[in-house]
């Protein structure tokens, strides 16, 4: 994940806030929390939105101790009751927090010591003049408020005097009337009026007294406000001096580092003299932290000094540096296509649906499933739709286009390196929908297709077809009016490890751009489904991706960090470096595959930095400020009741009468499940499976009559364990609902079948040929793939689907 940005403290404010990683427990490790430092109190929240209502914890810094563990970690404790183990994103960020905490602690201790003072010795007139306009403005506002309050109280006091004067005269008049000889009824009335007048005078006196108390309290507090204001002014001056000293120390250390690097390089050139190890390297070795459960990063990024790079005219001797070719115009502007005007976006012409029927709360009766399996062959045991979600694998594969705008922007880039950043972000974005969705899509029937026509809204047309069922494989082709084409053929291999299932996608993804004729390829990483037997299912992505531009030789190496209970790093982290054909780094990518990706332009790289865990030198990249290149879209409202579908996924199964008869939208069992009629969906699903077996057997008989030696194999059953060599392997646990659920491979948007991986490269077992794709050799990778041969969209325009098979 990218480094959280924490704002530097402002001279006029007393609040320091930002994201810091806080140790929670050994299960979740370090989690990102929003910390706020204000008035000597350090509080934290899960999100910024919680600041208004829910505080997760607070420490008073006046009695707290602050200790530093290593380059990024520090601990805050108030003596045992509360202890925070915190981790900053980098050493610079940690030092900013330490400085802010120390200053806040000193201020809190000083304010606590002075809290018992009455403040009588401090008058507003004795306060020194503020060095800036902000302090004098605040002081004048306080004085003006006090003058206004005093004036209002004086007005109230005058009114009270008048009320008392007239009230006394009224009582005297009433007393005189009382002394006169009046009837009994008139005397009672006079006494009532007298009592009410007395109550009125008492009430007015109480009001005046309350106003006087308020004025006295405001005057007393104004003295403390003056003290606090003066303390803030002094703190600002000290902070400015501290920052100036830190800047001088930074420049001094930078010069010392270059000198040491130059001396080491000179020493290495002398064969008679062994390598020397100075004090700086000894200190680095002592402070280096080793975690057996956490992989060390391949590189380190530090903020670049723009002023330094602008002053530099040549590389420093002994410092292995690589400057970007555009270092004469350094700025922190985003990539060129981020500045695209939103007014150019096309407005959708068709209103798409935003909801589907809520998921029914059906309980799964395992005994009923086991009872129905008695006496049946293992290959003919159907899997209930309770584990599914109401879309097919072909539709799941089309969800890769959720963030197609990344390819739209890449097609308009003038630089191939900038284009690589967008293509790499697109390769990561396809995993963003796999966090919550643990349901299994329907396995497509052989010959099943799915079209996603968004030409009028987004400029692209997508077509998927199930081209093989043994092994299962789906071909995908997308063409866009905005200058790019995407194609892929995906099948998978899997390994069951007892507690988890590893799914390895096989196949290459191709992206071609008309501008510059750039051709990119990459593969998918390994998906792991955890807690197969016991516990809640959860998904993780791990491995490495190489996005290669076969036209220019540019390359982006992306690394998906696996989740570790003991890792102090952010979960689901992805890092990468964009390099040209000579291996020179130009951009650094960082983020998470479930939230966002950012890029930073590399201004300088060096190999003279900190040693890695294997004795190798880490590459240190000096980069400009990170910019966001991709962010996951928010889920629709009530997504938890709609299988956690995204806005695009909600529209994938929307009925459309113009699509082919083999389209997934016309699949009856899938439609019944979406409507909440699961029992009928199970019956229809079993009918489709039996129909597919019959067609497969007939096709195998035709193929056998055309071959001299044939080897008949039983048809692959949809959603079943079909390979005979694997029946014994899975027979002992095939009835467990968790082991039924682990077949779900929705995570990688490809079809799962427990087949031998060795059969993936073999010839087809029958004479089946895909309708819209043809099998040939890929010119880039040399793989046997299915490429789109055309004709689908023309057939749709004519409305003639006679050539489509009857699969439903």
Foldseek 3Di string as FASTA:
>chain_A
DDFWDWDFDDLVDLKTKTWWWWQDDLQAGTDIWIWIQHQQKIWIHRDPVCPVPDTPDIDRLLQWDKAAQFQFWIWIDNDPPDIIIIGHPGNVVNVSVVVSSVLSNVVNNVCVVCVPPQLPVFDLVPQDDFPDPVLVVVSVVLVVVLVVLVVVLVVLVVVLVVLVVVLVVLLVVLVVVLPDDDDPVVNVVSVVVNVVSVVVNVVSVVVSVVSVVVSVVSNSVVSVVSVVSSSSSVSSVVVVVVVVVVVVVVVVVVVVVLVVLQVQVVQVVDPVHDGDDDPVQVVLVVRDDDDPQFADDQFAEDADDLVVLCPDDDDRHSWPKDFDPPNPDDDDDDAPLVPPDPVPAFDDPDDFDQDFDFADPDDDDLVVLVVVCPPHDQLQRDDFCPQAALAALQLLVVCLCVPVVLVLSLLPHPDVLSSVVSVVQSLLQSLQLQFQFLGFHFYAFAQFKAKDDCCNRGFKIKIKHFWDVVVTKIWIWMDGPSFKIKIKIWDWAWDDDPFKIKIGIDIKIWMFGPVVRWIKIKGAFIKMWGRLPHDDTGIATFDWMWIATPRFGKIKIKGFTTDDSHDNDDHQKIKIFIAGNVRDTFKIWIDHSNFFIKIWGFRMKGQPDDAGPVRGTRIYTHTHDIDTDDTDDDADPPCVRNSVDRSVRSRRLPDDPLAALSYSNNQVLSVCSSNVNRVVSRVSLSVLQVVSQVVLVVQLVVQVVVDPDADDAGDRGTLGAGDVVCCVVCVVPPSRPSNSSSQRPSSVSTHGYNDDPVCPQPDDRGDDGHDQWGWDADPPPRHTDTDGPDDRVVCSVVSDNVPRDNSD
